[in-house]
Amino acid sequence: MKLISREELKEKLDKAENIKLVFALRVNQYRAKHIPGSVHFEKLDDALQALDKDDEIIVYCANPACPASILAYRYLIGHGFKNVRRFAGGLQEWEDAGYPLEGEGVIAFTCG
């Protein structure tokens, strides 16, 4: 399984590289909190229609112990996608680093 580090993912997002960042958990979890720029698919079959086999795809879920991104990774590889990596640290590692998040469950702090 090909992995991507938190730092490399952050760099790709900061540079606005053309990647497909796929959130591999349920839609309610996606609505609550996700990495900016992420996409979500109700079913993995939907990803087959929306993604191109040449896309650079990065899948992630909640944390290193969460199997959802592993399943999504294997599913995409099994359907001929070649450029897929897993961000194993997921939301937990991203949030622990203080990196930005989007969603209904994200609290925005303002001064003043």
N, C-alpha and C. Protein backbone atom coordinates (compact mmCIF):
# COMPACT_ATOMS: atom_id res chain seq x y z
N MET A 1 0.85 -1.18 0.00
CA MET A 1 0.00 0.00 0.00
C MET A 1 0.89 1.24 0.00
N LYS A 2 0.62 2.13 -0.92
CA LYS A 2 1.37 3.38 -1.00
C LYS A 2 0.75 4.39 -0.05
N LEU A 3 1.60 5.03 0.75
CA LEU A 3 1.14 6.00 1.74
C LEU A 3 1.63 7.39 1.39
N ILE A 4 0.99 8.39 1.97
CA ILE A 4 1.43 9.77 1.87
C ILE A 4 1.47 10.33 3.28
N SER A 5 2.48 11.13 3.56
CA SER A 5 2.61 11.73 4.89
C SER A 5 1.72 12.97 5.00
N ARG A 6 1.49 13.36 6.23
CA ARG A 6 0.71 14.57 6.49
C ARG A 6 1.39 15.78 5.85
N GLU A 7 2.72 15.86 5.97
CA GLU A 7 3.44 17.01 5.44
C GLU A 7 3.37 17.07 3.92
N GLU A 8 3.50 15.90 3.27
CA GLU A 8 3.42 15.90 1.80
C GLU A 8 2.01 16.26 1.34
N LEU A 9 1.00 15.75 2.02
CA LEU A 9 -0.38 16.10 1.66
C LEU A 9 -0.61 17.59 1.84
N LYS A 10 -0.16 18.15 2.94
CA LYS A 10 -0.34 19.59 3.20
C LYS A 10 0.34 20.40 2.10
N GLU A 11 1.54 19.99 1.72
CA GLU A 11 2.27 20.69 0.66
C GLU A 11 1.51 20.65 -0.66
N LYS A 12 0.96 19.50 -1.01
CA LYS A 12 0.19 19.37 -2.25
C LYS A 12 -1.04 20.27 -2.23
N LEU A 13 -1.72 20.32 -1.08
CA LEU A 13 -2.90 21.18 -0.97
C LEU A 13 -2.51 22.65 -1.00
N ASP A 14 -1.43 23.02 -0.33
CA ASP A 14 -0.98 24.41 -0.34
C ASP A 14 -0.59 24.87 -1.75
N LYS A 15 -0.04 23.95 -2.54
CA LYS A 15 0.36 24.27 -3.92
C LYS A 15 -0.81 24.14 -4.90
N ALA A 16 -1.97 23.75 -4.39
CA ALA A 16 -3.17 23.55 -5.21
C ALA A 16 -2.91 22.56 -6.34
N GLU A 17 -2.16 21.50 -6.01
CA GLU A 17 -1.92 20.46 -7.01
C GLU A 17 -3.22 19.76 -7.36
N ASN A 18 -3.26 19.22 -8.54
CA ASN A 18 -4.48 18.56 -9.04
C ASN A 18 -4.56 17.13 -8.47
N ILE A 19 -5.07 17.04 -7.25
CA ILE A 19 -5.27 15.73 -6.62
C ILE A 19 -6.74 15.55 -6.31
N LYS A 20 -7.13 14.33 -6.16
CA LYS A 20 -8.49 14.00 -5.72
C LYS A 20 -8.35 13.44 -4.31
N LEU A 21 -8.78 14.22 -3.33
CA LEU A 21 -8.70 13.85 -1.93
C LEU A 21 -10.05 13.27 -1.52
N VAL A 22 -10.08 11.97 -1.27
CA VAL A 22 -11.34 11.25 -1.05
C VAL A 22 -11.51 10.90 0.42
N PHE A 23 -12.58 11.41 1.01
CA PHE A 23 -12.95 11.11 2.39
C PHE A 23 -13.75 9.81 2.39
N ALA A 24 -13.25 8.80 3.09
CA ALA A 24 -13.79 7.45 2.96
C ALA A 24 -14.79 7.04 4.05
N LEU A 25 -15.31 7.99 4.80
CA LEU A 25 -16.30 7.66 5.82
C LEU A 25 -17.70 8.05 5.36
N ARG A 26 -18.66 7.94 6.24
CA ARG A 26 -20.07 8.22 5.90
C ARG A 26 -20.31 9.70 5.64
N VAL A 27 -21.39 9.97 4.94
CA VAL A 27 -21.71 11.35 4.55
C VAL A 27 -21.92 12.25 5.77
N ASN A 28 -22.52 11.75 6.84
CA ASN A 28 -22.71 12.59 8.02
C ASN A 28 -21.38 12.97 8.65
N GLN A 29 -20.40 12.07 8.57
CA GLN A 29 -19.07 12.38 9.08
C GLN A 29 -18.36 13.38 8.18
N TYR A 30 -18.58 13.27 6.87
CA TYR A 30 -18.03 14.23 5.92
C TYR A 30 -18.62 15.62 6.19
N ARG A 31 -19.91 15.68 6.39
CA ARG A 31 -20.56 16.98 6.66
C ARG A 31 -20.04 17.60 7.95
N ALA A 32 -19.74 16.77 8.93
CA ALA A 32 -19.27 17.27 10.22
C ALA A 32 -17.87 17.84 10.14
N LYS A 33 -16.96 17.11 9.48
CA LYS A 33 -15.57 17.55 9.48
C LYS A 33 -14.78 16.82 8.40
N HIS A 34 -14.05 17.57 7.59
CA HIS A 34 -13.17 16.99 6.57
C HIS A 34 -12.06 17.97 6.21
N ILE A 35 -11.05 17.46 5.55
CA ILE A 35 -9.96 18.30 5.07
C ILE A 35 -10.47 19.11 3.87
N PRO A 36 -10.20 20.43 3.85
CA PRO A 36 -10.66 21.24 2.73
C PRO A 36 -10.21 20.66 1.38
N GLY A 37 -11.12 20.69 0.43
CA GLY A 37 -10.85 20.17 -0.90
C GLY A 37 -11.23 18.71 -1.08
N SER A 38 -11.69 18.09 -0.01
CA SER A 38 -12.07 16.68 -0.07
C SER A 38 -13.37 16.48 -0.83
N VAL A 39 -13.49 15.30 -1.40
CA VAL A 39 -14.74 14.87 -2.01
C VAL A 39 -15.23 13.63 -1.26
N HIS A 40 -16.51 13.38 -1.37
CA HIS A 40 -17.11 12.22 -0.71
C HIS A 40 -18.03 11.53 -1.71
N PHE A 41 -18.05 10.21 -1.64
CA PHE A 41 -18.94 9.43 -2.48
C PHE A 41 -19.83 8.58 -1.60
N GLU A 42 -21.11 8.60 -1.88
CA GLU A 42 -22.07 7.82 -1.09
C GLU A 42 -21.73 6.33 -1.15
N LYS A 43 -21.36 5.87 -2.34
CA LYS A 43 -20.96 4.47 -2.53
C LYS A 43 -19.66 4.46 -3.31
N LEU A 44 -18.85 3.44 -3.07
CA LEU A 44 -17.57 3.35 -3.79
C LEU A 44 -17.79 3.24 -5.30
N ASP A 45 -18.90 2.65 -5.71
CA ASP A 45 -19.20 2.58 -7.15
C ASP A 45 -19.30 3.98 -7.76
N ASP A 46 -19.78 4.95 -6.97
CA ASP A 46 -19.89 6.32 -7.47
C ASP A 46 -18.51 6.90 -7.78
N ALA A 47 -17.51 6.50 -7.01
CA ALA A 47 -16.15 6.97 -7.25
C ALA A 47 -15.63 6.51 -8.60
N LEU A 48 -16.02 5.31 -9.00
CA LEU A 48 -15.58 4.78 -10.30
C LEU A 48 -16.06 5.66 -11.44
N GLN A 49 -17.24 6.24 -11.29
CA GLN A 49 -17.80 7.10 -12.33
C GLN A 49 -17.19 8.51 -12.29
N ALA A 50 -16.87 9.00 -11.09
CA ALA A 50 -16.43 10.39 -10.94
C ALA A 50 -14.93 10.58 -11.09
N LEU A 51 -14.17 9.55 -10.81
CA LEU A 51 -12.71 9.67 -10.87
C LEU A 51 -12.18 9.08 -12.16
N ASP A 52 -11.07 9.63 -12.60
CA ASP A 52 -10.39 9.13 -13.79
C ASP A 52 -9.25 8.21 -13.35
N LYS A 53 -9.02 7.16 -14.08
CA LYS A 53 -7.98 6.20 -13.69
C LYS A 53 -6.58 6.80 -13.70
N ASP A 54 -6.41 7.97 -14.32
CA ASP A 54 -5.12 8.65 -14.32
C ASP A 54 -4.99 9.69 -13.20
N ASP A 55 -6.08 9.95 -12.47
CA ASP A 55 -6.06 10.93 -11.38
C ASP A 55 -5.08 10.52 -10.29
N GLU A 56 -4.49 11.51 -9.65
CA GLU A 56 -3.75 11.26 -8.41
C GLU A 56 -4.79 11.29 -7.29
N ILE A 57 -5.00 10.15 -6.66
CA ILE A 57 -6.06 10.00 -5.66
C ILE A 57 -5.44 9.70 -4.30
N ILE A 58 -5.91 10.43 -3.30
CA ILE A 58 -5.47 10.20 -1.93
C ILE A 58 -6.73 9.93 -1.10
N VAL A 59 -6.76 8.78 -0.45
CA VAL A 59 -7.90 8.42 0.39
C VAL A 59 -7.51 8.55 1.85
N TYR A 60 -8.49 8.94 2.67
CA TYR A 60 -8.25 9.04 4.11
C TYR A 60 -9.56 8.84 4.85
N CYS A 61 -9.42 8.57 6.15
CA CYS A 61 -10.61 8.44 7.01
C CYS A 61 -10.31 9.07 8.36
N ALA A 62 -10.64 8.39 9.46
CA ALA A 62 -10.58 9.03 10.77
C ALA A 62 -9.19 9.04 11.41
N ASN A 63 -8.51 7.89 11.39
CA ASN A 63 -7.24 7.76 12.11
C ASN A 63 -6.52 6.50 11.61
N PRO A 64 -5.30 6.25 12.09
CA PRO A 64 -4.56 5.09 11.59
C PRO A 64 -5.25 3.74 11.78
N ALA A 65 -6.07 3.61 12.81
CA ALA A 65 -6.75 2.34 13.08
C ALA A 65 -8.02 2.14 12.26
N CYS A 66 -8.50 3.18 11.63
CA CYS A 66 -9.76 3.12 10.88
C CYS A 66 -9.53 2.38 9.55
N PRO A 67 -10.35 1.38 9.26
CA PRO A 67 -10.14 0.58 8.04
C PRO A 67 -10.78 1.16 6.77
N ALA A 68 -11.58 2.21 6.88
CA ALA A 68 -12.33 2.70 5.72
C ALA A 68 -11.43 3.13 4.56
N SER A 69 -10.34 3.82 4.87
CA SER A 69 -9.45 4.25 3.78
C SER A 69 -8.68 3.07 3.18
N ILE A 70 -8.43 2.05 3.98
CA ILE A 70 -7.78 0.84 3.45
C ILE A 70 -8.72 0.16 2.45
N LEU A 71 -9.98 0.05 2.82
CA LEU A 71 -10.97 -0.57 1.93
C LEU A 71 -11.13 0.24 0.64
N ALA A 72 -11.20 1.57 0.77
CA ALA A 72 -11.34 2.42 -0.42
C ALA A 72 -10.10 2.29 -1.31
N TYR A 73 -8.93 2.29 -0.71
CA TYR A 73 -7.68 2.13 -1.45
C TYR A 73 -7.70 0.83 -2.24
N ARG A 74 -7.99 -0.26 -1.57
CA ARG A 74 -7.99 -1.57 -2.23
C ARG A 74 -9.06 -1.65 -3.32
N TYR A 75 -10.19 -1.04 -3.09
CA TYR A 75 -11.27 -1.04 -4.07
C TYR A 75 -10.82 -0.33 -5.35
N LEU A 76 -10.24 0.86 -5.18
CA LEU A 76 -9.80 1.62 -6.35
C LEU A 76 -8.68 0.90 -7.11
N ILE A 77 -7.69 0.39 -6.38
CA ILE A 77 -6.61 -0.36 -7.01
C ILE A 77 -7.17 -1.57 -7.75
N GLY A 78 -8.12 -2.25 -7.14
CA GLY A 78 -8.74 -3.42 -7.74
C GLY A 78 -9.53 -3.12 -9.00
N HIS A 79 -9.91 -1.85 -9.17
CA HIS A 79 -10.64 -1.43 -10.36
C HIS A 79 -9.75 -0.68 -11.36
N GLY A 80 -8.45 -0.87 -11.24
CA GLY A 80 -7.54 -0.35 -12.26
C GLY A 80 -6.97 1.03 -12.03
N PHE A 81 -7.25 1.65 -10.89
CA PHE A 81 -6.66 2.94 -10.59
C PHE A 81 -5.23 2.71 -10.14
N LYS A 82 -4.29 3.43 -10.72
CA LYS A 82 -2.88 3.16 -10.50
C LYS A 82 -2.21 4.14 -9.53
N ASN A 83 -2.71 5.37 -9.49
CA ASN A 83 -2.05 6.43 -8.73
C ASN A 83 -2.85 6.75 -7.47
N VAL A 84 -2.93 5.77 -6.56
CA VAL A 84 -3.70 5.91 -5.33
C VAL A 84 -2.77 5.79 -4.14
N ARG A 85 -2.96 6.68 -3.18
CA ARG A 85 -2.21 6.60 -1.92
C ARG A 85 -3.18 6.79 -0.75
N ARG A 86 -2.73 6.35 0.41
CA ARG A 86 -3.54 6.45 1.62
C ARG A 86 -2.85 7.40 2.59
N PHE A 87 -3.63 8.36 3.10
CA PHE A 87 -3.16 9.20 4.20
C PHE A 87 -3.64 8.52 5.47
N ALA A 88 -2.77 7.67 6.03
CA ALA A 88 -3.15 6.79 7.14
C ALA A 88 -3.51 7.56 8.41
N GLY A 89 -2.90 8.69 8.65
CA GLY A 89 -3.17 9.45 9.88
C GLY A 89 -4.57 10.02 9.93
N GLY A 90 -5.15 10.27 8.78
CA GLY A 90 -6.53 10.73 8.67
C GLY A 90 -6.82 12.03 9.41
N LEU A 91 -8.10 12.22 9.70
CA LEU A 91 -8.55 13.45 10.35
C LEU A 91 -7.83 13.70 11.66
N GLN A 92 -7.59 12.66 12.42
CA GLN A 92 -6.96 12.83 13.73
C GLN A 92 -5.58 13.47 13.61
N GLU A 93 -4.76 12.94 12.74
CA GLU A 93 -3.40 13.47 12.58
C GLU A 93 -3.44 14.88 12.00
N TRP A 94 -4.35 15.11 11.05
CA TRP A 94 -4.48 16.42 10.42
C TRP A 94 -4.89 17.47 11.45
N GLU A 95 -5.89 17.13 12.24
CA GLU A 95 -6.39 18.06 13.26
C GLU A 95 -5.36 18.28 14.36
N ASP A 96 -4.66 17.22 14.78
CA ASP A 96 -3.63 17.34 15.81
C ASP A 96 -2.52 18.30 15.39
N ALA A 97 -2.27 18.41 14.09
CA ALA A 97 -1.25 19.33 13.58
C ALA A 97 -1.75 20.77 13.52
N GLY A 98 -3.04 20.97 13.77
CA GLY A 98 -3.61 22.31 13.71
C GLY A 98 -3.92 22.78 12.31
N TYR A 99 -3.97 21.84 11.36
CA TYR A 99 -4.26 22.20 9.98
C TYR A 99 -5.76 22.47 9.81
N PRO A 100 -6.13 23.23 8.78
CA PRO A 100 -7.53 23.63 8.62
C PRO A 100 -8.47 22.45 8.31
N LEU A 101 -9.70 22.62 8.77
CA LEU A 101 -10.77 21.66 8.51
C LEU A 101 -12.00 22.42 8.07
N GLU A 102 -12.90 21.73 7.40
CA GLU A 102 -14.19 22.29 6.99
C GLU A 102 -15.28 21.38 7.52
N GLY A 103 -16.49 21.95 7.62
CA GLY A 103 -17.64 21.14 7.98
C GLY A 103 -18.48 21.79 9.06
N GLU A 104 -19.66 21.23 9.24
CA GLU A 104 -20.62 21.77 10.20
C GLU A 104 -20.14 21.64 11.64
N GLY A 105 -19.27 20.69 11.91
CA GLY A 105 -18.80 20.46 13.27
C GLY A 105 -17.50 21.20 13.61
N VAL A 106 -16.99 22.01 12.69
CA VAL A 106 -15.75 22.71 12.91
C VAL A 106 -16.07 24.05 13.58
N ILE A 107 -15.42 24.29 14.69
CA ILE A 107 -15.64 25.53 15.43
C ILE A 107 -14.63 26.56 14.96
N ALA A 108 -15.15 27.71 14.57
CA ALA A 108 -14.28 28.81 14.14
C ALA A 108 -14.09 29.77 15.30
N PHE A 109 -12.86 30.07 15.61
CA PHE A 109 -12.56 31.00 16.69
C PHE A 109 -12.19 32.34 16.07
N THR A 110 -12.77 33.38 16.64
CA THR A 110 -12.45 34.72 16.17
C THR A 110 -12.14 35.59 17.38
N CYS A 111 -11.30 36.56 17.18
CA CYS A 111 -10.97 37.52 18.24
C CYS A 111 -11.73 38.80 17.99
N GLY A 112 -12.06 39.47 19.06
CA GLY A 112 -12.66 40.80 18.89
C GLY A 112 -14.03 40.78 19.26
